[in-house]
Amino acid sequence: MSSPVAVIVIAAAAVLAGVGIGWGARRVVAPRFVRRAAAHRFAREFASLVEGTELDLAALRGPSHDGLAATAATASASAESTGDVATLSPKALSLEDQDYYAASWQNVQGEFAVNAPSALLLATHLTANLLLNRGLLPADTARPTELPEAWTFRSALGYREALRISARTDHETVPEAELTRALAQFEDFYFEMLTLAAAIG
């Protein structure tokens, strides 16, 4: 028969082992739960973003095959232009909005690793929403992805090319190198628009 002391020691050891196992399980489960909760929260935020940022699908699909030569010629001519991003007059963003847009781009990058075409569409929505919130495009515009013709600075030209690459994913398999280039072009334009100094007055 076990002595009372031995029984107490064995019981205490069992309790401690159980606590240790439970704590270890929480260490494994908690980060997974946090990641899952963050993913659900972003899914809700993105659904709200998409609903509040209507995109013109015809504009996203770009020109027909017959118009590709004309588009290339226009892009080539625009490359010679020296449009100045400094002439833009954006509205100020709150620190909370700045943090939201910066964090949202991380979700674009994460989605790109899983589904590149989906990530490019997300980048399109996010950029359109940013342009509208900064007052760089009219709030009632029917085509928030279509930049003013006068925007011929480097990142704007890259953004237009990124839109064309993204549109091609609707009907063809686009090489990974082009998809990666499109994401980089979206990113250059996005962060230039995000960090523009607000207009005074």
Protein backbone atom coordinates (compact mmCIF):
# COMPACT_ATOMS: atom_id res chain seq x y z
CA MET A 1 0.00 0.00 0.00
CA SER A 2 1.34 3.43 -0.89
CA SER A 3 2.03 5.88 1.87
CA PRO A 4 -0.08 9.08 2.03
CA VAL A 5 3.00 11.12 1.16
CA ALA A 6 3.66 9.05 -1.97
CA VAL A 7 0.04 9.42 -3.04
CA ILE A 8 0.21 13.19 -2.58
CA VAL A 9 3.48 13.39 -4.54
CA ILE A 10 2.07 11.29 -7.39
CA ALA A 11 -1.14 13.36 -7.49
CA ALA A 12 0.81 16.62 -7.51
CA ALA A 13 3.03 15.36 -10.32
CA ALA A 14 -0.04 14.39 -12.35
CA VAL A 15 -1.59 17.83 -11.86
CA LEU A 16 1.63 19.56 -12.86
CA ALA A 17 1.97 17.33 -15.92
CA GLY A 18 -1.60 18.13 -16.92
CA VAL A 19 -0.99 21.85 -16.52
CA GLY A 20 2.20 21.55 -18.54
CA ILE A 21 0.44 19.69 -21.35
CA GLY A 22 -2.41 22.18 -21.36
CA TRP A 23 -0.02 25.13 -21.41
CA GLY A 24 1.99 23.55 -24.20
CA ALA A 25 -1.19 22.95 -26.18
CA ARG A 26 -2.20 26.58 -25.75
CA ARG A 27 1.21 27.63 -27.04
CA VAL A 28 0.57 25.60 -30.20
CA VAL A 29 -3.12 26.40 -30.63
CA ALA A 30 -3.14 30.09 -29.70
CA PRO A 31 -1.01 31.39 -32.60
CA ARG A 32 -3.06 29.29 -35.02
CA PHE A 33 -6.25 30.75 -33.55
CA VAL A 34 -4.86 34.29 -33.80
CA ARG A 35 -3.90 33.74 -37.45
CA ARG A 36 -7.34 32.31 -38.24
CA ALA A 37 -9.08 35.22 -36.49
CA ALA A 38 -6.91 37.73 -38.36
CA ALA A 39 -7.72 36.03 -41.67
CA HIS A 40 -11.46 36.16 -40.94
CA ARG A 41 -11.22 39.82 -39.93
CA PHE A 42 -9.38 40.72 -43.14
CA ALA A 43 -11.91 38.75 -45.21
CA ARG A 44 -14.70 40.86 -43.70
CA GLU A 45 -12.78 44.09 -44.22
CA PHE A 46 -11.99 43.20 -47.83
CA ALA A 47 -15.61 42.27 -48.53
CA SER A 48 -16.59 45.70 -47.24
CA LEU A 49 -13.85 47.32 -49.32
CA VAL A 50 -14.96 45.58 -52.52
CA GLU A 51 -18.59 46.47 -51.87
CA GLY A 52 -17.67 50.11 -51.35
CA THR A 53 -15.34 50.41 -54.36
CA GLU A 54 -17.18 49.72 -57.57
CA LEU A 55 -14.85 48.86 -60.43
CA ASP A 56 -15.56 49.20 -64.12
CA LEU A 57 -14.95 45.67 -65.39
CA ALA A 58 -14.75 46.80 -69.02
CA ALA A 59 -11.94 49.17 -68.10
CA LEU A 60 -10.18 46.42 -66.18
CA ARG A 61 -10.28 44.07 -69.17
CA GLY A 62 -8.40 46.65 -71.19
CA PRO A 63 -8.38 47.06 -74.97
CA SER A 64 -9.38 44.40 -77.46
CA HIS A 65 -6.72 42.59 -79.44
CA ASP A 66 -7.38 45.02 -82.29
CA GLY A 67 -6.48 47.90 -80.02
CA LEU A 68 -3.26 46.49 -78.61
CA ALA A 69 -1.04 48.17 -81.18
CA ALA A 70 -2.62 51.54 -80.50
CA THR A 71 -2.24 51.00 -76.77
CA ALA A 72 1.43 50.14 -77.16
CA ALA A 73 2.00 53.25 -79.26
CA THR A 74 0.28 55.40 -76.65
CA ALA A 75 2.34 53.87 -73.85
CA SER A 76 5.53 54.45 -75.82
CA ALA A 77 4.62 58.09 -76.41
CA SER A 78 3.68 58.58 -72.75
CA ALA A 79 7.03 57.22 -71.66
CA GLU A 80 8.58 60.36 -73.12
CA SER A 81 6.33 62.55 -70.96
CA THR A 82 7.49 64.12 -67.71
CA GLY A 83 4.25 64.29 -65.74
CA ASP A 84 4.98 65.45 -62.20
CA VAL A 85 3.49 63.62 -59.23
CA ALA A 86 4.24 66.70 -57.11
CA THR A 87 1.37 68.55 -58.82
CA LEU A 88 -1.21 66.25 -57.18
CA SER A 89 -3.19 67.58 -54.22
CA PRO A 90 -4.31 64.66 -52.03
CA LYS A 91 -6.41 64.88 -48.88
CA ALA A 92 -4.76 63.97 -45.60
CA LEU A 93 -5.21 60.48 -44.15
CA SER A 94 -5.55 59.76 -40.45
CA LEU A 95 -2.82 57.69 -38.81
CA GLU A 96 -5.37 54.90 -38.45
CA ASP A 97 -6.10 54.97 -42.20
CA GLN A 98 -2.39 55.03 -43.01
CA ASP A 99 -1.86 51.97 -40.84
CA TYR A 100 -4.86 50.23 -42.44
CA TYR A 101 -3.59 50.77 -45.99
CA ALA A 102 -0.04 49.70 -45.10
CA ALA A 103 -1.30 46.55 -43.35
CA SER A 104 -3.71 45.77 -46.19
CA TRP A 105 -0.84 45.66 -48.65
CA GLN A 106 0.71 42.87 -46.60
CA ASN A 107 -2.47 40.90 -47.23
CA VAL A 108 -2.06 41.53 -50.96
CA GLN A 109 1.44 40.07 -50.78
CA GLY A 110 0.20 37.10 -48.79
CA GLU A 111 -2.57 36.44 -51.30
CA PHE A 112 -0.06 36.69 -54.17
CA ALA A 113 1.81 33.67 -52.81
CA VAL A 114 -1.45 31.69 -52.93
CA ASN A 115 -3.27 33.08 -55.97
CA ALA A 116 -1.51 35.74 -58.02
CA PRO A 117 -4.47 36.82 -60.21
CA SER A 118 -6.64 37.21 -57.11
CA ALA A 119 -3.92 39.29 -55.46
CA LEU A 120 -3.71 41.61 -58.47
CA LEU A 121 -7.48 42.12 -58.37
CA LEU A 122 -7.22 42.84 -54.64
CA ALA A 123 -4.45 45.36 -55.39
CA THR A 124 -6.74 47.02 -57.94
CA HIS A 125 -9.59 47.39 -55.44
CA LEU A 126 -7.29 48.60 -52.70
CA THR A 127 -5.62 51.18 -54.96
CA ALA A 128 -8.95 52.48 -56.26
CA ASN A 129 -10.20 52.82 -52.69
CA LEU A 130 -7.05 54.71 -51.70
CA LEU A 131 -7.32 57.11 -54.65
CA LEU A 132 -10.94 57.87 -53.79
CA ASN A 133 -10.24 58.37 -50.08
CA ARG A 134 -7.37 60.73 -50.83
CA GLY A 135 -9.58 62.75 -53.16
CA LEU A 136 -7.28 62.10 -56.12
CA LEU A 137 -10.26 60.89 -58.16
CA PRO A 138 -13.82 62.29 -58.05
CA ALA A 139 -15.98 60.47 -55.51
CA ASP A 140 -18.66 59.88 -58.16
CA THR A 141 -16.31 58.55 -60.83
CA ALA A 142 -17.60 55.54 -62.73
CA ARG A 143 -14.08 54.29 -63.40
CA PRO A 144 -11.90 54.49 -60.29
CA THR A 145 -9.18 52.44 -61.98
CA GLU A 146 -8.81 54.86 -64.88
CA LEU A 147 -6.20 57.51 -64.12
CA PRO A 148 -6.36 61.03 -65.55
CA GLU A 149 -4.49 61.31 -68.86
CA ALA A 150 -2.20 63.94 -67.37
CA TRP A 151 -0.80 61.37 -64.96
CA THR A 152 2.19 60.31 -67.01
CA PHE A 153 4.75 60.00 -64.23
CA ARG A 154 6.67 56.74 -63.95
CA SER A 155 4.60 54.94 -61.31
CA ALA A 156 1.32 55.84 -63.07
CA LEU A 157 2.61 54.32 -66.31
CA GLY A 158 3.60 51.21 -64.39
CA TYR A 159 0.17 51.05 -62.77
CA ARG A 160 -1.52 51.11 -66.17
CA GLU A 161 0.70 48.27 -67.37
CA ALA A 162 -0.08 46.30 -64.20
CA LEU A 163 -3.80 46.71 -64.93
CA ARG A 164 -3.30 45.31 -68.43
CA ILE A 165 -1.36 42.32 -67.10
CA SER A 166 -4.03 41.69 -64.45
CA ALA A 167 -6.79 41.85 -67.09
CA ARG A 168 -5.04 39.17 -69.17
CA THR A 169 -5.40 36.66 -66.33
CA ASP A 170 -9.14 36.51 -67.15
CA HIS A 171 -8.53 34.65 -70.41
CA GLU A 172 -4.94 33.38 -70.50
CA THR A 173 -2.16 31.96 -68.36
CA VAL A 174 0.21 34.85 -67.69
CA PRO A 175 3.88 33.99 -67.00
CA GLU A 176 4.92 34.27 -63.37
CA ALA A 177 7.56 36.88 -64.20
CA GLU A 178 4.89 39.20 -65.61
CA LEU A 179 2.61 38.67 -62.63
CA THR A 180 5.49 39.51 -60.30
CA ARG A 181 6.28 42.63 -62.32
CA ALA A 182 2.63 43.69 -62.16
CA LEU A 183 2.59 43.34 -58.37
CA ALA A 184 5.76 45.44 -58.09
CA GLN A 185 4.24 48.12 -60.36
CA PHE A 186 1.03 48.18 -58.32
CA GLU A 187 3.12 48.47 -55.16
CA ASP A 188 5.25 51.37 -56.46
CA PHE A 189 2.16 53.36 -57.44
CA TYR A 190 0.19 52.41 -54.31
CA PHE A 191 2.84 53.53 -51.85
CA GLU A 192 3.60 56.68 -53.82
CA MET A 193 -0.08 57.61 -53.55
CA LEU A 194 -0.21 56.58 -49.89
CA THR A 195 2.81 58.66 -48.86
CA LEU A 196 2.08 61.81 -50.88
CA ALA A 197 2.11 64.89 -48.70
CA ALA A 198 -1.39 66.24 -48.14
CA ALA A 199 -2.40 69.50 -49.78
CA ILE A 200 -2.20 72.48 -47.43
CA GLY A 201 -5.35 74.50 -46.82
